[in-house]
C-alpha atoms as a PDB file:
ATOM      1  CA  UNK A   1     -33.799  41.921 -26.755  1.00  0.00           C
ATOM      2  CA  UNK A   2     -31.226  39.144 -26.349  1.00  0.00           C
ATOM      3  CA  UNK A   3     -27.749  40.068 -25.190  1.00  0.00           C
ATOM      4  CA  UNK A   4     -25.384  40.567 -28.131  1.00  0.00           C
ATOM      5  CA  UNK A   5     -22.351  38.305 -28.392  1.00  0.00           C
ATOM      6  CA  UNK A   6     -19.354  37.663 -30.591  1.00  0.00           C
ATOM      7  CA  UNK A   7     -17.786  41.099 -30.294  1.00  0.00           C
ATOM      8  CA  UNK A   8     -14.730  41.710 -32.481  1.00  0.00           C
ATOM      9  CA  UNK A   9     -13.978  45.361 -31.756  1.00  0.00           C
ATOM     10  CA  UNK A  10     -15.203  45.825 -28.191  1.00  0.00           C
ATOM     11  CA  UNK A  11     -15.471  43.940 -24.912  1.00  0.00           C
ATOM     12  CA  UNK A  12     -18.275  44.173 -22.345  1.00  0.00           C
ATOM     13  CA  UNK A  13     -18.366  43.334 -18.634  1.00  0.00           C
ATOM     14  CA  UNK A  14     -21.285  43.696 -16.237  1.00  0.00           C
ATOM     15  CA  UNK A  15     -21.550  43.720 -12.472  1.00  0.00           C
ATOM     16  CA  UNK A  16     -22.837  45.753  -9.510  1.00  0.00           C
ATOM     17  CA  UNK A  17     -25.006  47.972 -11.691  1.00  0.00           C
ATOM     18  CA  UNK A  18     -22.108  48.950 -13.973  1.00  0.00           C
ATOM     19  CA  UNK A  19     -21.498  47.877 -17.558  1.00  0.00           C
ATOM     20  CA  UNK A  20     -18.009  48.438 -18.913  1.00  0.00           C
ATOM     21  CA  UNK A  21     -17.558  48.745 -22.674  1.00  0.00           C
ATOM     22  CA  UNK A  22     -13.921  48.558 -23.719  1.00  0.00           C
ATOM     23  CA  UNK A  23     -12.576  49.544 -27.122  1.00  0.00           C
ATOM     24  CA  UNK A  24     -10.388  46.527 -27.843  1.00  0.00           C
ATOM     25  CA  UNK A  25      -8.175  47.303 -30.827  1.00  0.00           C
ATOM     26  CA  UNK A  26      -5.031  48.735 -29.249  1.00  0.00           C
ATOM     27  CA  UNK A  27      -2.963  47.724 -32.279  1.00  0.00           C
ATOM     28  CA  UNK A  28      -5.089  50.207 -34.283  1.00  0.00           C
ATOM     29  CA  UNK A  29      -5.108  52.776 -31.455  1.00  0.00           C
ATOM     30  CA  UNK A  30      -8.811  51.890 -31.149  1.00  0.00           C
ATOM     31  CA  UNK A  31      -9.603  53.723 -34.371  1.00  0.00           C
ATOM     32  CA  UNK A  32     -13.245  53.852 -35.394  1.00  0.00           C
ATOM     33  CA  UNK A  33     -14.435  51.827 -38.369  1.00  0.00           C
ATOM     34  CA  UNK A  34     -17.884  50.680 -39.482  1.00  0.00           C
ATOM     35  CA  UNK A  35     -17.697  47.528 -37.375  1.00  0.00           C
ATOM     36  CA  UNK A  36     -16.646  49.357 -34.191  1.00  0.00           C
ATOM     37  CA  UNK A  37     -19.413  51.929 -34.559  1.00  0.00           C
ATOM     38  CA  UNK A  38     -21.977  49.185 -35.238  1.00  0.00           C
ATOM     39  CA  UNK A  39     -20.878  47.170 -32.186  1.00  0.00           C
ATOM     40  CA  UNK A  40     -21.024  50.225 -29.935  1.00  0.00           C
ATOM     41  CA  UNK A  41     -24.512  51.030 -31.208  1.00  0.00           C
ATOM     42  CA  UNK A  42     -25.679  47.462 -30.624  1.00  0.00           C
ATOM     43  CA  UNK A  43     -24.226  47.366 -27.119  1.00  0.00           C
ATOM     44  CA  UNK A  44     -25.904  50.644 -26.169  1.00  0.00           C
ATOM     45  CA  UNK A  45     -29.234  49.553 -27.649  1.00  0.00           C
ATOM     46  CA  UNK A  46     -29.132  46.423 -25.495  1.00  0.00           C
ATOM     47  CA  UNK A  47     -28.102  48.313 -22.365  1.00  0.00           C
ATOM     48  CA  UNK A  48     -30.879  50.842 -22.806  1.00  0.00           C
ATOM     49  CA  UNK A  49     -33.309  47.961 -22.229  1.00  0.00           C
ATOM     50  CA  UNK A  50     -31.374  46.620 -19.218  1.00  0.00           C
ATOM     51  CA  UNK A  51     -32.812  47.922 -15.933  1.00  0.00           C
ATOM     52  CA  UNK A  52     -29.873  46.487 -13.992  1.00  0.00           C
ATOM     53  CA  UNK A  53     -27.384  48.834 -15.676  1.00  0.00           C
ATOM     54  CA  UNK A  54     -27.188  52.110 -13.764  1.00  0.00           C
ATOM     55  CA  UNK A  55     -23.946  53.401 -15.236  1.00  0.00           C
ATOM     56  CA  UNK A  56     -21.978  52.652 -18.394  1.00  0.00           C
ATOM     57  CA  UNK A  57     -18.211  53.074 -18.481  1.00  0.00           C
ATOM     58  CA  UNK A  58     -16.396  53.502 -21.785  1.00  0.00           C
ATOM     59  CA  UNK A  59     -12.724  52.497 -21.616  1.00  0.00           C
ATOM     60  CA  UNK A  60     -10.037  51.542 -24.112  1.00  0.00           C
ATOM     61  CA  UNK A  61      -7.181  49.062 -24.255  1.00  0.00           C
ATOM     62  CA  UNK A  62      -3.655  50.235 -24.918  1.00  0.00           C
ATOM     63  CA  UNK A  63      -1.976  53.626 -24.608  1.00  0.00           C
ATOM     64  CA  UNK A  64      -4.620  55.597 -26.539  1.00  0.00           C
ATOM     65  CA  UNK A  65      -8.354  55.983 -26.003  1.00  0.00           C
ATOM     66  CA  UNK A  66      -9.207  56.428 -29.699  1.00  0.00           C
ATOM     67  CA  UNK A  67      -7.156  57.977 -32.475  1.00  0.00           C
ATOM     68  CA  UNK A  68     -10.090  58.798 -34.741  1.00  0.00           C
ATOM     69  CA  UNK A  69     -11.179  57.221 -37.999  1.00  0.00           C
ATOM     70  CA  UNK A  70      -9.676  53.942 -39.127  1.00  0.00           C
ATOM     71  CA  UNK A  71      -7.668  53.979 -42.372  1.00  0.00           C
ATOM     72  CA  UNK A  72     -10.459  52.031 -44.055  1.00  0.00           C
ATOM     73  CA  UNK A  73     -12.864  54.840 -43.185  1.00  0.00           C
ATOM     74  CA  UNK A  74     -10.504  57.450 -44.542  1.00  0.00           C
ATOM     75  CA  UNK A  75     -10.090  55.485 -47.753  1.00  0.00           C
ATOM     76  CA  UNK A  76     -13.883  55.432 -48.146  1.00  0.00           C
ATOM     77  CA  UNK A  77     -14.052  59.167 -47.653  1.00  0.00           C
ATOM     78  CA  UNK A  78     -11.360  59.697 -50.278  1.00  0.00           C
ATOM     79  CA  UNK A  79     -12.932  57.428 -52.881  1.00  0.00           C
ATOM     80  CA  UNK A  80     -16.731  57.506 -52.464  1.00  0.00           C
ATOM     81  CA  UNK A  81     -18.599  59.924 -54.717  1.00  0.00           C
ATOM     82  CA  UNK A  82     -22.110  58.674 -53.869  1.00  0.00           C
ATOM     83  CA  UNK A  83     -23.843  61.313 -51.676  1.00  0.00           C
ATOM     84  CA  UNK A  84     -26.263  58.718 -50.300  1.00  0.00           C
ATOM     85  CA  UNK A  85     -23.466  56.392 -49.223  1.00  0.00           C
ATOM     86  CA  UNK A  86     -21.560  59.272 -47.641  1.00  0.00           C
ATOM     87  CA  UNK A  87     -24.675  60.395 -45.777  1.00  0.00           C
ATOM     88  CA  UNK A  88     -25.335  56.895 -44.427  1.00  0.00           C
ATOM     89  CA  UNK A  89     -21.721  56.654 -43.286  1.00  0.00           C
ATOM     90  CA  UNK A  90     -21.903  60.005 -41.497  1.00  0.00           C
ATOM     91  CA  UNK A  91     -25.248  59.195 -39.934  1.00  0.00           C
ATOM     92  CA  UNK A  92     -23.872  56.019 -38.382  1.00  0.00           C
ATOM     93  CA  UNK A  93     -21.458  58.023 -36.234  1.00  0.00           C
ATOM     94  CA  UNK A  94     -24.133  60.624 -35.560  1.00  0.00           C
ATOM     95  CA  UNK A  95     -26.532  57.927 -34.408  1.00  0.00           C
ATOM     96  CA  UNK A  96     -23.891  56.640 -31.992  1.00  0.00           C
ATOM     97  CA  UNK A  97     -23.498  60.078 -30.409  1.00  0.00           C
ATOM     98  CA  UNK A  98     -27.281  60.367 -30.136  1.00  0.00           C
ATOM     99  CA  UNK A  99     -27.495  56.911 -28.530  1.00  0.00           C
ATOM    100  CA  UNK A 100     -25.079  58.030 -25.812  1.00  0.00           C
ATOM    101  CA  UNK A 101     -27.194  61.121 -25.161  1.00  0.00           C
ATOM    102  CA  UNK A 102     -30.458  59.151 -25.051  1.00  0.00           C
ATOM    103  CA  UNK A 103     -29.231  56.193 -22.978  1.00  0.00           C
ATOM    104  CA  UNK A 104     -31.258  55.991 -19.774  1.00  0.00           C
ATOM    105  CA  UNK A 105     -28.194  56.059 -17.499  1.00  0.00           C
ATOM    106  CA  UNK A 106     -24.949  58.071 -17.399  1.00  0.00           C
ATOM    107  CA  UNK A 107     -22.106  57.180 -19.766  1.00  0.00           C
ATOM    108  CA  UNK A 108     -18.699  57.792 -18.209  1.00  0.00           C
ATOM    109  CA  UNK A 109     -15.601  57.909 -20.404  1.00  0.00           C
ATOM    110  CA  UNK A 110     -12.201  57.008 -18.983  1.00  0.00           C
ATOM    111  CA  UNK A 111      -9.682  58.561 -21.364  1.00  0.00           C
ATOM    112  CA  UNK A 112      -5.959  57.896 -21.587  1.00  0.00           C
ATOM    113  CA  UNK A 113      -3.496  58.976 -24.244  1.00  0.00           C
ATOM    114  CA  UNK A 114      -4.938  60.406 -27.417  1.00  0.00           C
ATOM    115  CA  UNK A 115      -8.619  61.118 -27.963  1.00  0.00           C
ATOM    116  CA  UNK A 116      -8.366  62.708 -31.375  1.00  0.00           C
ATOM    117  CA  UNK A 117     -10.797  63.441 -34.200  1.00  0.00           C
ATOM    118  CA  UNK A 118     -13.639  60.894 -33.944  1.00  0.00           C
ATOM    119  CA  UNK A 119     -12.128  59.723 -30.656  1.00  0.00           C
ATOM    120  CA  UNK A 120     -12.435  63.228 -29.247  1.00  0.00           C
ATOM    121  CA  UNK A 121     -16.010  63.303 -30.498  1.00  0.00           C
ATOM    122  CA  UNK A 122     -16.792  59.972 -28.845  1.00  0.00           C
ATOM    123  CA  UNK A 123     -15.383  61.101 -25.501  1.00  0.00           C
ATOM    124  CA  UNK A 124     -17.015  64.530 -25.693  1.00  0.00           C
ATOM    125  CA  UNK A 125     -20.408  62.911 -26.291  1.00  0.00           C
ATOM    126  CA  UNK A 126     -20.252  61.050 -22.972  1.00  0.00           C
ATOM    127  CA  UNK A 127     -22.054  62.504 -19.956  1.00  0.00           C
ATOM    128  CA  UNK A 128     -18.945  62.521 -17.781  1.00  0.00           C
ATOM    129  CA  UNK A 129     -15.293  62.463 -18.883  1.00  0.00           C
ATOM    130  CA  UNK A 130     -12.556  61.334 -16.504  1.00  0.00           C
ATOM    131  CA  UNK A 131      -9.153  61.826 -18.099  1.00  0.00           C
ATOM    132  CA  UNK A 132      -5.715  60.548 -17.218  1.00  0.00           C
ATOM    133  CA  UNK A 133      -3.102  63.224 -16.740  1.00  0.00           C
ATOM    134  CA  UNK A 134      -1.411  61.991 -19.925  1.00  0.00           C
ATOM    135  CA  UNK A 135      -4.540  62.387 -22.058  1.00  0.00           C
ATOM    136  CA  UNK A 136      -4.884  64.810 -24.941  1.00  0.00           C
ATOM    137  CA  UNK A 137      -7.879  65.921 -26.960  1.00  0.00           C
ATOM    138  CA  UNK A 138      -7.864  67.221 -30.525  1.00  0.00           C
ATOM    139  CA  UNK A 139     -10.601  67.837 -33.073  1.00  0.00           C
ATOM    140  CA  UNK A 140      -8.211  67.352 -35.979  1.00  0.00           C
ATOM    141  CA  UNK A 141     -10.606  66.880 -38.908  1.00  0.00           C
ATOM    142  CA  UNK A 142      -9.772  70.241 -40.512  1.00  0.00           C
ATOM    143  CA  UNK A 143      -6.163  69.170 -40.885  1.00  0.00           C
ATOM    144  CA  UNK A 144      -7.377  66.593 -43.400  1.00  0.00           C
ATOM    145  CA  UNK A 145      -9.603  69.095 -45.157  1.00  0.00           C
ATOM    146  CA  UNK A 146     -12.562  67.514 -43.372  1.00  0.00           C
ATOM    147  CA  UNK A 147     -15.214  68.945 -41.018  1.00  0.00           C
ATOM    148  CA  UNK A 148     -15.786  68.015 -37.341  1.00  0.00           C
ATOM    149  CA  UNK A 149     -19.445  68.260 -38.176  1.00  0.00           C
ATOM    150  CA  UNK A 150     -21.307  66.299 -35.517  1.00  0.00           C
ATOM    151  CA  UNK A 151     -19.153  66.858 -32.444  1.00  0.00           C
ATOM    152  CA  UNK A 152     -19.521  70.587 -33.173  1.00  0.00           C
ATOM    153  CA  UNK A 153     -23.104  70.403 -31.907  1.00  0.00           C
ATOM    154  CA  UNK A 154     -21.907  69.101 -28.545  1.00  0.00           C
ATOM    155  CA  UNK A 155     -18.670  71.039 -28.163  1.00  0.00           C
ATOM    156  CA  UNK A 156     -20.142  74.508 -28.670  1.00  0.00           C
ATOM    157  CA  UNK A 157     -22.644  73.770 -25.896  1.00  0.00           C
ATOM    158  CA  UNK A 158     -19.836  72.815 -23.524  1.00  0.00           C
ATOM    159  CA  UNK A 159     -17.214  75.502 -24.114  1.00  0.00           C
ATOM    160  CA  UNK A 160     -19.093  78.293 -25.914  1.00  0.00           C
ATOM    161  CA  UNK A 161     -18.738  79.639 -29.427  1.00  0.00           C
ATOM    162  CA  UNK A 162     -15.315  81.316 -29.343  1.00  0.00           C
ATOM    163  CA  UNK A 163     -13.376  78.454 -27.800  1.00  0.00           C
ATOM    164  CA  UNK A 164     -15.258  75.812 -29.802  1.00  0.00           C
ATOM    165  CA  UNK A 165     -14.562  77.657 -33.049  1.00  0.00           C
ATOM    166  CA  UNK A 166     -10.865  77.830 -32.227  1.00  0.00           C
ATOM    167  CA  UNK A 167     -10.606  74.142 -31.312  1.00  0.00           C
ATOM    168  CA  UNK A 168     -12.563  73.039 -34.373  1.00  0.00           C
ATOM    169  CA  UNK A 169     -10.794  75.204 -36.934  1.00  0.00           C
ATOM    170  CA  UNK A 170      -7.196  74.873 -35.707  1.00  0.00           C
ATOM    171  CA  UNK A 171      -7.273  71.171 -34.832  1.00  0.00           C
ATOM    172  CA  UNK A 172      -4.706  71.825 -32.116  1.00  0.00           C
ATOM    173  CA  UNK A 173      -4.321  69.312 -29.294  1.00  0.00           C
ATOM    174  CA  UNK A 174      -4.969  70.306 -25.703  1.00  0.00           C
ATOM    175  CA  UNK A 175      -3.880  68.386 -22.641  1.00  0.00           C
ATOM    176  CA  UNK A 176      -6.198  66.979 -19.997  1.00  0.00           C
ATOM    177  CA  UNK A 177      -5.824  69.897 -17.624  1.00  0.00           C
ATOM    178  CA  UNK A 178      -6.668  72.460 -20.291  1.00  0.00           C
ATOM    179  CA  UNK A 179      -9.613  70.300 -21.335  1.00  0.00           C
ATOM    180  CA  UNK A 180     -10.777  70.324 -17.711  1.00  0.00           C
ATOM    181  CA  UNK A 181     -10.446  74.114 -17.537  1.00  0.00           C
ATOM    182  CA  UNK A 182     -12.679  74.362 -20.609  1.00  0.00           C
ATOM    183  CA  UNK A 183     -15.279  71.936 -19.226  1.00  0.00           C
ATOM    184  CA  UNK A 184     -14.620  69.111 -21.698  1.00  0.00           C
ATOM    185  CA  UNK A 185     -13.202  66.961 -18.897  1.00  0.00           C
ATOM    186  CA  UNK A 186     -14.802  66.610 -15.465  1.00  0.00           C
ATOM    187  CA  UNK A 187     -11.773  65.350 -13.545  1.00  0.00           C
ATOM    188  CA  UNK A 188      -8.091  64.721 -14.249  1.00  0.00           C
ATOM    189  CA  UNK A 189      -6.746  61.561 -12.604  1.00  0.00           C
ATOM    190  CA  UNK A 190      -3.324  59.904 -12.395  1.00  0.00           C
ATOM    191  CA  UNK A 191      -2.706  57.686 -15.416  1.00  0.00           C
ATOM    192  CA  UNK A 192      -1.572  54.850 -13.160  1.00  0.00           C
ATOM    193  CA  UNK A 193      -4.660  53.009 -11.970  1.00  0.00           C
ATOM    194  CA  UNK A 194      -7.041  54.997 -14.187  1.00  0.00           C
ATOM    195  CA  UNK A 195      -9.373  52.045 -14.716  1.00  0.00           C
ATOM    196  CA  UNK A 196      -9.805  51.426 -10.982  1.00  0.00           C
ATOM    197  CA  UNK A 197     -10.463  55.099 -10.292  1.00  0.00           C
ATOM    198  CA  UNK A 198     -13.020  55.349 -13.099  1.00  0.00           C
ATOM    199  CA  UNK A 199     -14.792  52.217 -11.894  1.00  0.00           C
ATOM    200  CA  UNK A 200     -14.850  53.566  -8.335  1.00  0.00           C
ATOM    201  CA  UNK A 201     -16.481  56.757  -9.600  1.00  0.00           C
ATOM    202  CA  UNK A 202     -18.991  54.720 -11.602  1.00  0.00           C
ATOM    203  CA  UNK A 203     -19.709  52.640  -8.513  1.00  0.00           C
ATOM    204  CA  UNK A 204     -20.649  55.776  -6.607  1.00  0.00           C
ATOM    205  CA  UNK A 205     -22.929  56.783  -9.472  1.00  0.00           C
ATOM    206  CA  UNK A 206     -24.532  53.345  -9.637  1.00  0.00           C
ATOM    207  CA  UNK A 207     -25.185  53.468  -5.885  1.00  0.00           C
ATOM    208  CA  UNK A 208     -27.456  56.489  -6.323  1.00  0.00           C
ATOM    209  CA  UNK A 209     -31.166  56.075  -6.906  1.00  0.00           C
ATOM    210  CA  UNK A 210     -31.515  54.693 -10.415  1.00  0.00           C
ATOM    211  CA  UNK A 211     -34.828  56.423 -11.065  1.00  0.00           C
ATOM    212  CA  UNK A 212     -33.538  59.766  -9.765  1.00  0.00           C
ATOM    213  CA  UNK A 213     -30.406  59.707 -11.936  1.00  0.00           C
ATOM    214  CA  UNK A 214     -32.347  58.559 -15.003  1.00  0.00           C
ATOM    215  CA  UNK A 215     -35.005  61.260 -14.611  1.00  0.00           C
ATOM    216  CA  UNK A 216     -32.292  63.855 -13.991  1.00  0.00           C
ATOM    217  CA  UNK A 217     -30.466  62.904 -17.185  1.00  0.00           C
ATOM    218  CA  UNK A 218     -33.696  62.948 -19.193  1.00  0.00           C
ATOM    219  CA  UNK A 219     -34.684  66.365 -17.854  1.00  0.00           C
ATOM    220  CA  UNK A 220     -31.170  67.793 -18.154  1.00  0.00           C
ATOM    221  CA  UNK A 221     -30.999  67.168 -21.890  1.00  0.00           C
ATOM    222  CA  UNK A 222     -34.742  67.438 -22.475  1.00  0.00           C
ATOM    223  CA  UNK A 223     -34.885  71.125 -21.531  1.00  0.00           C
ATOM    224  CA  UNK A 224     -32.271  72.101 -24.109  1.00  0.00           C
ATOM    225  CA  UNK A 225     -33.708  74.653 -26.485  1.00  0.00           C
ATOM    226  CA  UNK A 226     -36.723  75.395 -24.307  1.00  0.00           C
ATOM    227  CA  UNK A 227     -37.560  78.852 -23.042  1.00  0.00           C
ATOM    228  CA  UNK A 228     -37.343  79.562 -19.309  1.00  0.00           C
ATOM    229  CA  UNK A 229     -41.049  79.124 -18.640  1.00  0.00           C
ATOM    230  CA  UNK A 230     -41.215  75.909 -20.675  1.00  0.00           C
ATOM    231  CA  UNK A 231     -38.151  74.468 -18.920  1.00  0.00           C
ATOM    232  CA  UNK A 232     -39.630  75.178 -15.482  1.00  0.00           C
ATOM    233  CA  UNK A 233     -42.901  73.556 -16.569  1.00  0.00           C
ATOM    234  CA  UNK A 234     -41.016  70.486 -17.802  1.00  0.00           C
ATOM    235  CA  UNK A 235     -39.187  70.376 -14.486  1.00  0.00           C
ATOM    236  CA  UNK A 236     -42.503  70.364 -12.628  1.00  0.00           C
ATOM    237  CA  UNK A 237     -43.659  67.404 -14.732  1.00  0.00           C
ATOM    238  CA  UNK A 238     -40.518  65.423 -13.937  1.00  0.00           C
ATOM    239  CA  UNK A 239     -40.722  66.426 -10.278  1.00  0.00           C
ATOM    240  CA  UNK A 240     -44.222  64.942 -10.255  1.00  0.00           C
ATOM    241  CA  UNK A 241     -42.966  61.695 -11.759  1.00  0.00           C
ATOM    242  CA  UNK A 242     -40.129  61.534  -9.238  1.00  0.00           C
ATOM    243  CA  UNK A 243     -42.497  61.987  -6.272  1.00  0.00           C
ATOM    244  CA  UNK A 244     -44.318  58.824  -7.288  1.00  0.00           C
ATOM    245  CA  UNK A 245     -41.257  56.569  -7.524  1.00  0.00           C
ATOM    246  CA  UNK A 246     -40.439  54.095  -4.728  1.00  0.00           C
ATOM    247  CA  UNK A 247     -36.911  55.531  -4.454  1.00  0.00           C
ATOM    248  CA  UNK A 248     -38.158  59.061  -3.739  1.00  0.00           C
ATOM    249  CA  UNK A 249     -40.717  57.941  -1.199  1.00  0.00           C
ATOM    250  CA  UNK A 250     -38.252  55.672   0.595  1.00  0.00           C
ATOM    251  CA  UNK A 251     -35.544  58.339   0.558  1.00  0.00           C
ATOM    252  CA  UNK A 252     -37.813  61.056   1.937  1.00  0.00           C
ATOM    253  CA  UNK A 253     -39.167  58.763   4.656  1.00  0.00           C
ATOM    254  CA  UNK A 254     -35.630  57.804   5.692  1.00  0.00           C
ATOM    255  CA  UNK A 255     -34.590  61.474   5.813  1.00  0.00           C
ATOM    256  CA  UNK A 256     -37.618  62.430   7.925  1.00  0.00           C
ATOM    257  CA  UNK A 257     -36.964  59.555  10.301  1.00  0.00           C
ATOM    258  CA  UNK A 258     -33.370  60.696  10.798  1.00  0.00           C
ATOM    259  CA  UNK A 259     -34.544  64.258  11.475  1.00  0.00           C
ATOM    260  CA  UNK A 260     -37.053  63.039  14.071  1.00  0.00           C
ATOM    261  CA  UNK A 261     -34.345  61.126  15.866  1.00  0.00           C
ATOM    262  CA  UNK A 262     -32.281  64.268  15.955  1.00  0.00           C
END
């Protein structure tokens, strides 16, 4: 697959095992439209075939991470009566969330300002969320008479049924620290210098064994829905794969050598 080019809604940068994808429409508060979703999907599809990318960072220009659906998307929702067209539109966002989950390496969101509606869904779908202390999260779809249908699948797994139901049916905003208490956010960081701190975290992730992190991510999500015995059996299969990778063998040899030296 050739590297995509000519982005209009996003920006990409690569180096040292990290690929940064930046939402680049600050004048629209990085709202999601068809073109933005398509570009994000294309970028992730390319990166999934790139063995040099060990971590993906999702950032955004301007004061807000992503305010949700673009006005053009909302106008489509208000005026389209064709069930097939509505389904295709919904599936595009769903496919983006699935692509994040299936990407071979971790996706780390750096969130500042508002991550609301579809923006909250986009951040929540990432493997790790690092939020500025000025960030807020809100699943606001119900306030428009709409349904936060796809992020629901992810959110209820993170925070449990009671809290997820409250967040999804009230649409109330929560700050970064409350989001961290609930498990939506991994770490709360100072807003000043957020990008540098997120990239430093990603650098630590990229420095880990690529095969180990990739197999861990695959197993972590791949055991969802399995019974205990099945999950342990799947773990044994992945453990077997890991034992045969150069990274595991080199890491174990280095550890044993250090132990012998005392």
